[in-house]
Amino acid sequence: MSNLPILPAIGDELKKNEKEVTRTVLACTKCEEQVTREYKEGDIVFHEPDGEICKSCSSQMIIKQIFVEIVKKK
């Protein structure tokens, strides 16, 4: 089963105390390590971003997914 976030339906409006945050999921090309970080301009799914190395095995990471998360404002 996937650990994907549940997103609101298209057209739903944000509440006053909410904001959208775009996130990128990186996956190692050799081991099963995954990391989620804030989206950076230029991120493209299935692209190997420069300087993104797996902390477990030092292999290249690949962008597996980009999604928008609804979070409460601080």
C-alpha atoms as a PDB file:
ATOM      1  CA  MET A   1       0.000   0.000   0.000  1.00  0.00           C
ATOM      2  CA  SER A   2       1.258   3.472  -0.877  1.00  0.00           C
ATOM      3  CA  ASN A   3       2.033   6.213   1.634  1.00  0.00           C
ATOM      4  CA  LEU A   4       0.767   8.951  -0.677  1.00  0.00           C
ATOM      5  CA  PRO A   5      -0.939  11.895   1.002  1.00  0.00           C
ATOM      6  CA  ILE A   6      -4.678  12.361   0.653  1.00  0.00           C
ATOM      7  CA  LEU A   7      -5.234  15.518  -1.362  1.00  0.00           C
ATOM      8  CA  PRO A   8      -8.371  17.648  -1.462  1.00  0.00           C
ATOM      9  CA  ALA A   9     -10.558  17.560  -4.543  1.00  0.00           C
ATOM     10  CA  ILE A  10      -9.659  20.004  -7.289  1.00  0.00           C
ATOM     11  CA  GLY A  11     -11.470  23.264  -6.668  1.00  0.00           C
ATOM     12  CA  ASP A  12     -11.590  22.942  -2.863  1.00  0.00           C
ATOM     13  CA  GLU A  13     -10.644  26.218  -1.234  1.00  0.00           C
ATOM     14  CA  LEU A  14      -8.008  26.477   1.468  1.00  0.00           C
ATOM     15  CA  LYS A  15      -9.108  27.437   4.957  1.00  0.00           C
ATOM     16  CA  LYS A  16      -7.664  30.667   6.373  1.00  0.00           C
ATOM     17  CA  ASN A  17      -5.139  28.791   8.529  1.00  0.00           C
ATOM     18  CA  GLU A  18      -3.938  26.492   5.708  1.00  0.00           C
ATOM     19  CA  LYS A  19      -1.367  26.788   2.943  1.00  0.00           C
ATOM     20  CA  GLU A  20      -0.116  24.574   0.119  1.00  0.00           C
ATOM     21  CA  VAL A  21       3.439  23.249   0.235  1.00  0.00           C
ATOM     22  CA  THR A  22       4.915  21.450  -2.761  1.00  0.00           C
ATOM     23  CA  ARG A  23       7.122  18.483  -1.864  1.00  0.00           C
ATOM     24  CA  THR A  24       9.464  16.223  -3.824  1.00  0.00           C
ATOM     25  CA  VAL A  25      10.046  12.529  -3.068  1.00  0.00           C
ATOM     26  CA  LEU A  26      13.536  11.260  -3.904  1.00  0.00           C
ATOM     27  CA  ALA A  27      14.318   7.538  -4.178  1.00  0.00           C
ATOM     28  CA  CYS A  28      17.703   5.844  -4.310  1.00  0.00           C
ATOM     29  CA  THR A  29      18.550   4.110  -7.592  1.00  0.00           C
ATOM     30  CA  LYS A  30      20.153   1.148  -5.750  1.00  0.00           C
ATOM     31  CA  CYS A  31      18.692   0.682  -2.266  1.00  0.00           C
ATOM     32  CA  GLU A  32      15.130   1.395  -1.077  1.00  0.00           C
ATOM     33  CA  GLU A  33      15.927   4.668   0.737  1.00  0.00           C
ATOM     34  CA  GLN A  34      13.402   7.479   0.175  1.00  0.00           C
ATOM     35  CA  VAL A  35      13.544  11.118   1.250  1.00  0.00           C
ATOM     36  CA  THR A  36      10.866  13.818   1.076  1.00  0.00           C
ATOM     37  CA  ARG A  37      12.011  17.425   0.799  1.00  0.00           C
ATOM     38  CA  GLU A  38      10.587  20.773  -0.204  1.00  0.00           C
ATOM     39  CA  TYR A  39      10.206  21.239  -3.974  1.00  0.00           C
ATOM     40  CA  LYS A  40      13.030  23.043  -5.768  1.00  0.00           C
ATOM     41  CA  GLU A  41      12.517  24.873  -9.055  1.00  0.00           C
ATOM     42  CA  GLY A  42      13.564  22.590 -11.894  1.00  0.00           C
ATOM     43  CA  ASP A  43      12.459  19.347 -10.176  1.00  0.00           C
ATOM     44  CA  ILE A  44      11.115  16.905 -12.776  1.00  0.00           C
ATOM     45  CA  VAL A  45       9.790  13.392 -12.102  1.00  0.00           C
ATOM     46  CA  PHE A  46      12.303  10.641 -13.068  1.00  0.00           C
ATOM     47  CA  HIS A  47      15.129  13.210 -13.242  1.00  0.00           C
ATOM     48  CA  GLU A  48      18.400  12.671 -11.357  1.00  0.00           C
ATOM     49  CA  PRO A  49      19.048  16.004  -9.609  1.00  0.00           C
ATOM     50  CA  ASP A  50      22.687  17.087  -9.197  1.00  0.00           C
ATOM     51  CA  GLY A  51      24.074  16.680  -5.692  1.00  0.00           C
ATOM     52  CA  GLU A  52      21.250  14.431  -4.418  1.00  0.00           C
ATOM     53  CA  ILE A  53      23.110  11.399  -3.050  1.00  0.00           C
ATOM     54  CA  CYS A  54      21.654   8.583  -0.911  1.00  0.00           C
ATOM     55  CA  LYS A  55      22.803   8.810   2.716  1.00  0.00           C
ATOM     56  CA  SER A  56      22.628   5.015   3.094  1.00  0.00           C
ATOM     57  CA  CYS A  57      24.683   3.811   0.112  1.00  0.00           C
ATOM     58  CA  SER A  58      26.035   6.982  -1.587  1.00  0.00           C
ATOM     59  CA  SER A  59      24.226   6.247  -4.879  1.00  0.00           C
ATOM     60  CA  GLN A  60      22.405   8.765  -7.076  1.00  0.00           C
ATOM     61  CA  MET A  61      18.840   9.686  -6.069  1.00  0.00           C
ATOM     62  CA  ILE A  62      16.013  10.043  -8.602  1.00  0.00           C
ATOM     63  CA  ILE A  63      12.841  12.149  -8.312  1.00  0.00           C
ATOM     64  CA  LYS A  64      10.027   9.662  -7.815  1.00  0.00           C
ATOM     65  CA  GLN A  65       7.091  11.958  -7.097  1.00  0.00           C
ATOM     66  CA  ILE A  66       6.063  15.614  -6.720  1.00  0.00           C
ATOM     67  CA  PHE A  67       2.930  16.455  -4.721  1.00  0.00           C
ATOM     68  CA  VAL A  68       1.170  19.298  -2.940  1.00  0.00           C
ATOM     69  CA  GLU A  69       0.476  18.999   0.777  1.00  0.00           C
ATOM     70  CA  ILE A  70      -2.012  21.122   2.732  1.00  0.00           C
ATOM     71  CA  VAL A  71      -0.463  22.298   6.023  1.00  0.00           C
ATOM     72  CA  LYS A  72      -1.572  24.599   8.817  1.00  0.00           C
ATOM     73  CA  LYS A  73       0.055  28.035   8.904  1.00  0.00           C
ATOM     74  CA  LYS A  74       2.191  28.803  11.927  1.00  0.00           C
END
